[in-house]
Amino acid sequence: MAERLTVGVAARLSRYLQVVTQARKMGKERISSQEISDYTNINATQIRRDLSTFGKFGKRGVGYSIDSLLNEIRKILRTQGQHNIAVVGAGRLGEAIASSPIFAEHGINIAAIFDTDPEKIGRSLGGVLVSDYAGLAAIAREQNIVVGVLAVPAGSAQRAADDLVSAGIRIIINYSEALIDTPSDVVVHTSNPAVDLLHALYFHLA
């Protein structure tokens, strides 16, 4: 098995993937390290160093073939194929996640959405029917869910995380403000727009 990427390299490659994916949607066929740098604020030298670690993808003065670079980065990040995820919470945030086309672009399939509100159960969000939260464990196993996304209020997040773990899910994306306790073999990524904004202000505000 290939050696695991460091957190820093994986994070940068994910950002490169985002830029290159958008560039292809814009009709571009090639992209330079400087162009990637302009959109990520990562030094072009660092970008070339990251990519050269895994092989020779580009040519000096010509740049990278977008299709080749997309395939290689996805291979490195092990994101080829389809990955089924479940969204817990069918409120505004859950609806926004389910309706976004960006997940499908990266081979991520929203296979299930759960909620406890009877008025939301049975509705369609992004083409996926909202299921009763009580059926989470059975549906997660049936649909081979590998990631659970928490789009619930902070007060409900720990219970939802516990239930996802009990269903065998070992990767959780937490969009709530709650601090989630999970077993050591469960990875939790917490995303908070306010924290991201503070980070940007600290490093980029004059």
Protein backbone atom coordinates (compact mmCIF):
# COMPACT_ATOMS: atom_id res chain seq x y z
CA MET A 1 0.00 0.00 0.00
CA ALA A 2 1.27 3.50 -0.86
CA GLU A 3 2.56 5.66 1.96
CA ARG A 4 -0.04 7.89 3.57
CA LEU A 5 0.07 11.58 2.69
CA THR A 6 0.76 14.11 5.41
CA VAL A 7 -2.20 16.25 6.43
CA GLY A 8 -0.61 19.32 4.83
CA VAL A 9 0.03 17.68 1.46
CA ALA A 10 -3.44 16.13 1.36
CA ALA A 11 -5.04 19.51 2.16
CA ARG A 12 -3.07 21.27 -0.59
CA LEU A 13 -3.81 18.56 -3.16
CA SER A 14 -7.51 18.87 -2.34
CA ARG A 15 -7.33 22.59 -3.09
CA TYR A 16 -5.49 21.95 -6.36
CA LEU A 17 -8.21 19.46 -7.28
CA GLN A 18 -10.90 22.05 -6.65
CA VAL A 19 -9.19 24.63 -8.88
CA VAL A 20 -8.43 22.18 -11.69
CA THR A 21 -12.00 20.84 -11.64
CA GLN A 22 -13.37 24.37 -12.04
CA ALA A 23 -10.84 25.15 -14.79
CA ARG A 24 -12.05 22.17 -16.80
CA LYS A 25 -15.67 23.31 -16.38
CA MET A 26 -14.58 26.66 -17.83
CA GLY A 27 -13.28 24.87 -20.91
CA LYS A 28 -9.55 25.13 -20.17
CA GLU A 29 -7.28 22.31 -21.36
CA ARG A 30 -4.05 23.32 -19.62
CA ILE A 31 -3.18 25.15 -16.42
CA SER A 32 0.09 26.44 -14.96
CA SER A 33 1.33 26.24 -11.40
CA GLN A 34 1.12 30.04 -11.27
CA GLU A 35 -2.56 29.95 -12.21
CA ILE A 36 -3.23 27.39 -9.49
CA SER A 37 -1.28 29.62 -7.11
CA ASP A 38 -3.42 32.64 -8.01
CA TYR A 39 -6.56 30.78 -6.94
CA THR A 40 -5.19 29.05 -3.84
CA ASN A 41 -2.65 31.54 -2.44
CA ILE A 42 -0.18 28.65 -2.27
CA ASN A 43 3.27 29.48 -3.62
CA ALA A 44 3.79 28.20 -7.19
CA THR A 45 7.11 26.63 -6.18
CA GLN A 46 5.32 24.66 -3.45
CA ILE A 47 2.71 23.52 -5.98
CA ARG A 48 5.38 22.28 -8.40
CA ARG A 49 7.19 20.54 -5.53
CA ASP A 50 4.00 18.81 -4.36
CA LEU A 51 3.11 17.57 -7.84
CA SER A 52 6.64 16.54 -8.81
CA THR A 53 6.77 14.25 -5.78
CA PHE A 54 4.30 11.97 -7.55
CA GLY A 55 5.72 12.14 -11.08
CA LYS A 56 6.20 14.50 -13.99
CA PHE A 57 2.80 15.92 -14.84
CA GLY A 58 3.71 19.16 -16.61
CA LYS A 59 6.28 20.82 -18.83
CA ARG A 60 8.08 24.07 -18.10
CA GLY A 61 6.46 26.90 -20.04
CA VAL A 62 3.55 24.70 -21.11
CA GLY A 63 1.82 23.84 -17.84
CA TYR A 64 -0.24 20.82 -16.93
CA SER A 65 -2.82 18.95 -18.96
CA ILE A 66 -6.00 19.45 -16.94
CA ASP A 67 -7.45 16.00 -17.69
CA SER A 68 -4.19 14.25 -16.77
CA LEU A 69 -3.74 16.32 -13.63
CA LEU A 70 -7.30 15.62 -12.49
CA ASN A 71 -6.82 11.89 -12.93
CA GLU A 72 -3.48 11.87 -11.13
CA ILE A 73 -4.62 13.96 -8.15
CA ARG A 74 -7.74 11.82 -7.74
CA LYS A 75 -5.57 8.71 -7.84
CA ILE A 76 -3.20 10.15 -5.23
CA LEU A 77 -6.09 11.18 -2.97
CA ARG A 78 -7.76 7.79 -3.54
CA THR A 79 -10.98 9.48 -4.63
CA GLN A 80 -11.56 7.50 -7.81
CA GLY A 81 -14.85 5.66 -8.04
CA GLN A 82 -18.02 6.49 -6.13
CA HIS A 83 -18.33 7.11 -2.40
CA ASN A 84 -21.73 7.06 -0.72
CA ILE A 85 -22.42 9.59 2.02
CA ALA A 86 -25.38 10.30 4.30
CA VAL A 87 -26.59 13.71 5.43
CA VAL A 88 -28.20 13.95 8.86
CA GLY A 89 -30.52 16.94 8.93
CA ALA A 90 -32.91 18.08 6.20
CA GLY A 91 -33.05 21.74 7.21
CA ARG A 92 -31.64 24.62 5.20
CA LEU A 93 -28.04 23.45 5.46
CA GLY A 94 -28.92 19.85 4.64
CA GLU A 95 -30.95 21.02 1.66
CA ALA A 96 -28.07 23.17 0.41
CA ILE A 97 -25.67 20.22 0.67
CA ALA A 98 -28.07 17.83 -1.05
CA SER A 99 -28.76 20.29 -3.87
CA SER A 100 -25.12 21.10 -4.63
CA PRO A 101 -23.74 19.53 -7.83
CA ILE A 102 -20.15 19.74 -6.60
CA PHE A 103 -20.25 16.40 -4.78
CA ALA A 104 -21.12 14.39 -7.88
CA GLU A 105 -18.24 16.08 -9.73
CA HIS A 106 -15.85 14.36 -7.32
CA GLY A 107 -17.50 10.95 -7.26
CA ILE A 108 -19.41 11.63 -4.04
CA ASN A 109 -22.97 10.32 -4.01
CA ILE A 110 -25.48 11.56 -1.46
CA ALA A 111 -27.19 8.22 -0.96
CA ALA A 112 -29.33 9.07 2.07
CA ILE A 113 -30.72 12.01 4.02
CA PHE A 114 -32.20 11.64 7.49
CA ASP A 115 -34.44 13.76 9.70
CA THR A 116 -36.74 13.34 12.70
CA ASP A 117 -39.33 15.88 11.54
CA PRO A 118 -42.40 14.08 10.12
CA GLU A 119 -43.05 17.04 7.81
CA LYS A 120 -39.65 16.59 6.17
CA ILE A 121 -39.62 12.81 5.93
CA GLY A 122 -40.60 11.69 2.44
CA ARG A 123 -39.68 15.00 0.80
CA SER A 124 -37.12 15.04 -2.00
CA LEU A 125 -33.93 17.03 -1.57
CA GLY A 126 -31.59 17.06 -4.55
CA GLY A 127 -33.38 13.99 -5.90
CA VAL A 128 -32.96 12.02 -2.66
CA LEU A 129 -35.93 11.18 -0.44
CA VAL A 130 -35.58 12.19 3.21
CA SER A 131 -35.72 9.06 5.37
CA ASP A 132 -36.90 8.66 8.93
CA TYR A 133 -33.93 9.04 11.28
CA ALA A 134 -35.05 5.87 13.07
CA GLY A 135 -33.92 3.86 10.06
CA LEU A 136 -30.41 5.32 9.95
CA ALA A 137 -28.49 2.20 10.92
CA ALA A 138 -30.24 -0.14 8.49
CA ILE A 139 -30.09 2.28 5.56
CA ALA A 140 -26.44 3.18 6.22
CA ARG A 141 -25.45 -0.48 5.97
CA GLU A 142 -27.74 -1.17 3.02
CA GLN A 143 -26.38 1.82 1.06
CA ASN A 144 -22.75 1.20 2.08
CA ILE A 145 -22.42 4.68 3.57
CA VAL A 146 -18.79 5.59 4.26
CA VAL A 147 -19.18 9.21 5.46
CA GLY A 148 -21.80 10.87 7.66
CA VAL A 149 -22.42 14.60 7.37
CA LEU A 150 -23.90 16.39 10.39
CA ALA A 151 -26.18 19.25 9.33
CA VAL A 152 -28.04 19.45 12.63
CA PRO A 153 -28.23 21.90 15.57
CA ALA A 154 -25.39 21.64 18.07
CA GLY A 155 -27.67 20.07 20.67
CA SER A 156 -28.41 17.12 18.39
CA ALA A 157 -24.92 16.59 16.99
CA GLN A 158 -23.50 14.22 19.61
CA ARG A 159 -26.47 11.86 19.45
CA ALA A 160 -26.29 11.82 15.65
CA ALA A 161 -22.55 11.17 15.76
CA ASP A 162 -23.06 8.30 18.21
CA ASP A 163 -25.69 6.76 15.95
CA LEU A 164 -23.46 7.10 12.87
CA VAL A 165 -20.62 5.38 14.71
CA SER A 166 -22.95 2.61 15.85
CA ALA A 167 -23.94 2.12 12.20
CA GLY A 168 -20.29 1.48 11.33
CA ILE A 169 -19.42 4.89 9.88
CA ARG A 170 -15.86 5.97 10.65
CA ILE A 171 -15.69 9.38 8.93
CA ILE A 172 -17.88 12.27 10.10
CA ILE A 173 -18.08 15.78 8.69
CA ASN A 174 -19.40 18.06 11.40
CA TYR A 175 -21.07 21.30 10.27
CA SER A 176 -22.48 22.01 13.73
CA GLU A 177 -20.81 24.08 16.45
CA ALA A 178 -20.68 21.12 18.81
CA LEU A 179 -17.49 19.44 20.00
CA ILE A 180 -18.01 15.81 19.07
CA ASP A 181 -16.70 12.90 21.17
CA THR A 182 -15.98 9.77 19.14
CA PRO A 183 -13.86 6.62 19.49
CA SER A 184 -10.21 6.91 18.44
CA ASP A 185 -10.81 5.05 15.17
CA VAL A 186 -13.40 7.62 13.99
CA VAL A 187 -12.22 10.70 12.10
CA VAL A 188 -14.19 13.92 12.65
CA HIS A 189 -13.69 16.96 10.44
CA THR A 190 -15.40 20.07 11.80
CA SER A 191 -16.14 22.90 9.39
CA ASN A 192 -17.10 26.31 10.74
CA PRO A 193 -17.43 29.27 8.33
CA ALA A 194 -16.78 31.79 11.12
CA VAL A 195 -13.49 30.11 12.06
CA ASP A 196 -12.47 29.99 8.39
CA LEU A 197 -13.26 33.70 8.11
CA LEU A 198 -11.20 34.53 11.21
CA HIS A 199 -8.29 32.56 9.75
CA ALA A 200 -8.52 34.54 6.49
CA LEU A 201 -8.75 37.85 8.32
CA TYR A 202 -5.73 37.07 10.50
CA PHE A 203 -3.45 36.07 7.64
CA HIS A 204 -4.64 38.40 4.88
CA LEU A 205 -6.04 41.57 6.44
CA ALA A 206 -3.53 44.38 6.21
